[in-house]
Each structure stands twice: as C-alpha cells, then as structure tokens.
C-alpha atoms as a PDB file:
ATOM      1  CA  MET A   1     -36.395 110.471-160.658  1.00  0.00           C
ATOM      2  CA  LYS A   2     -39.880 109.459-159.573  1.00  0.00           C
ATOM      3  CA  ASN A   3     -40.647 109.165-155.864  1.00  0.00           C
ATOM      4  CA  ASN A   4     -41.901 105.596-155.366  1.00  0.00           C
ATOM      5  CA  ILE A   5     -42.585 105.719-151.639  1.00  0.00           C
ATOM      6  CA  ILE A   6     -46.010 104.442-150.611  1.00  0.00           C
ATOM      7  CA  LEU A   7     -47.732 104.807-147.244  1.00  0.00           C
ATOM      8  CA  VAL A   8     -49.475 101.555-146.255  1.00  0.00           C
ATOM      9  CA  LYS A   9     -51.337 100.250-143.225  1.00  0.00           C
ATOM     10  CA  ASP A  10     -50.199  96.805-142.072  1.00  0.00           C
ATOM     11  CA  LEU A  11     -52.407  94.049-140.632  1.00  0.00           C
ATOM     12  CA  ASP A  12     -52.110  95.592-137.152  1.00  0.00           C
ATOM     13  CA  GLY A  13     -53.207  99.019-138.395  1.00  0.00           C
ATOM     14  CA  ILE A  14     -49.685 100.489-138.175  1.00  0.00           C
ATOM     15  CA  LEU A  15     -48.662 102.987-140.852  1.00  0.00           C
ATOM     16  CA  ARG A  16     -45.484 102.012-142.699  1.00  0.00           C
ATOM     17  CA  LEU A  17     -43.441 103.299-145.625  1.00  0.00           C
ATOM     18  CA  ARG A  18     -42.883 101.011-148.575  1.00  0.00           C
ATOM     19  CA  GLY A  19     -40.607 101.639-151.525  1.00  0.00           C
ATOM     20  CA  ARG A  20     -38.141 100.013-153.902  1.00  0.00           C
ATOM     21  CA  ILE A  21     -36.095  98.688-150.977  1.00  0.00           C
ATOM     22  CA  ASN A  22     -39.023  96.331-150.287  1.00  0.00           C
ATOM     23  CA  GLU A  23     -37.555  93.913-152.858  1.00  0.00           C
ATOM     24  CA  SER A  24     -34.276  93.566-150.913  1.00  0.00           C
ATOM     25  CA  ASN A  25     -33.226  90.850-148.465  1.00  0.00           C
ATOM     26  CA  LEU A  26     -33.221  93.266-145.519  1.00  0.00           C
ATOM     27  CA  PRO A  27     -35.346  92.635-142.400  1.00  0.00           C
ATOM     28  CA  PHE A  28     -39.030  93.592-142.710  1.00  0.00           C
ATOM     29  CA  ASP A  29     -38.799  96.486-140.231  1.00  0.00           C
ATOM     30  CA  THR A  30     -35.899  97.942-142.226  1.00  0.00           C
ATOM     31  CA  LYS A  31     -37.746  97.621-145.531  1.00  0.00           C
ATOM     32  CA  GLN A  32     -41.017  99.011-144.178  1.00  0.00           C
ATOM     33  CA  PRO A  33     -40.290 101.381-141.285  1.00  0.00           C
ATOM     34  CA  ILE A  34     -43.098 102.544-139.016  1.00  0.00           C
ATOM     35  CA  VAL A  35     -44.336 106.121-139.442  1.00  0.00           C
ATOM     36  CA  LEU A  36     -44.531 107.760-136.035  1.00  0.00           C
ATOM     37  CA  PRO A  37     -46.782 110.780-135.448  1.00  0.00           C
ATOM     38  CA  LYS A  38     -45.313 114.123-134.465  1.00  0.00           C
ATOM     39  CA  ASN A  39     -46.492 114.198-130.849  1.00  0.00           C
ATOM     40  CA  ARG A  40     -45.251 114.147-127.250  1.00  0.00           C
ATOM     41  CA  LEU A  41     -44.848 110.354-127.120  1.00  0.00           C
ATOM     42  CA  THR A  42     -42.566 110.348-130.161  1.00  0.00           C
ATOM     43  CA  GLU A  43     -40.605 113.232-128.656  1.00  0.00           C
ATOM     44  CA  LEU A  44     -40.145 111.280-125.399  1.00  0.00           C
ATOM     45  CA  LEU A  45     -38.952 108.211-127.331  1.00  0.00           C
ATOM     46  CA  ILE A  46     -36.339 110.356-129.096  1.00  0.00           C
ATOM     47  CA  ILE A  47     -35.240 111.906-125.781  1.00  0.00           C
ATOM     48  CA  ASP A  48     -34.865 108.411-124.311  1.00  0.00           C
ATOM     49  CA  SER A  49     -32.640 107.394-127.235  1.00  0.00           C
ATOM     50  CA  HIS A  50     -30.618 110.596-126.796  1.00  0.00           C
ATOM     51  CA  LEU A  51     -30.020 109.782-123.130  1.00  0.00           C
ATOM     52  CA  ASN A  52     -29.153 106.147-123.933  1.00  0.00           C
ATOM     53  CA  VAL A  53     -26.291 107.251-126.208  1.00  0.00           C
ATOM     54  CA  LYS A  54     -25.025 109.649-123.542  1.00  0.00           C
ATOM     55  CA  HIS A  55     -25.750 112.870-125.488  1.00  0.00           C
ATOM     56  CA  ASN A  56     -23.452 111.698-128.304  1.00  0.00           C
ATOM     57  CA  GLY A  57     -25.120 113.733-131.051  1.00  0.00           C
ATOM     58  CA  GLU A  58     -27.861 113.460-133.670  1.00  0.00           C
ATOM     59  CA  ARG A  59     -26.384 110.585-135.645  1.00  0.00           C
ATOM     60  CA  SER A  60     -25.969 108.377-132.602  1.00  0.00           C
ATOM     61  CA  THR A  61     -29.396 109.341-131.286  1.00  0.00           C
ATOM     62  CA  PHE A  62     -31.193 108.504-134.513  1.00  0.00           C
ATOM     63  CA  ALA A  63     -29.201 105.303-135.032  1.00  0.00           C
ATOM     64  CA  GLU A  64     -30.280 104.208-131.545  1.00  0.00           C
ATOM     65  CA  PHE A  65     -33.860 105.325-132.199  1.00  0.00           C
ATOM     66  CA  ARG A  66     -34.086 103.502-135.531  1.00  0.00           C
ATOM     67  CA  SER A  67     -32.663 100.315-134.035  1.00  0.00           C
ATOM     68  CA  LYS A  68     -35.511 100.262-131.503  1.00  0.00           C
ATOM     69  CA  TYR A  69     -38.448 101.671-133.453  1.00  0.00           C
END
C-alpha cells in the first residue's frame, strides 16, 4: 500500500498533513492536522492535556490534546 500523506503549508504558513481523508466530510482540522515541532512548547502543551484529564493515561491525554490542537 502506497503512503499518500503529503506535508503542506497552509495560507498562514502552518505545516499540515494531507492524505486520502481530505476527501471526507470531516472538519478541516481533522482532515489536515497541524504538525507540531518536537520542542519544549509542544511538550508543555502535552503536559497541560495530561493534567486536564487528571493523569488518566495516554489515550485520554492524546484525545484531549488532539481535540485542542
């Protein structure tokens, strides 16, 4: 199976992923998620999500994180 994921820069200069899901009826931010750099700010955003879900585990943390960012 061929990997059809493309990295694109939107009109605001934000890097996003685009793939086959782009043709769906899902919201834009779901179809083209933002690519965050691996740095301290991203780490702090993940920690904030972890605290918001009361240390409920990885799945809850990333679900919270993805719903915000």
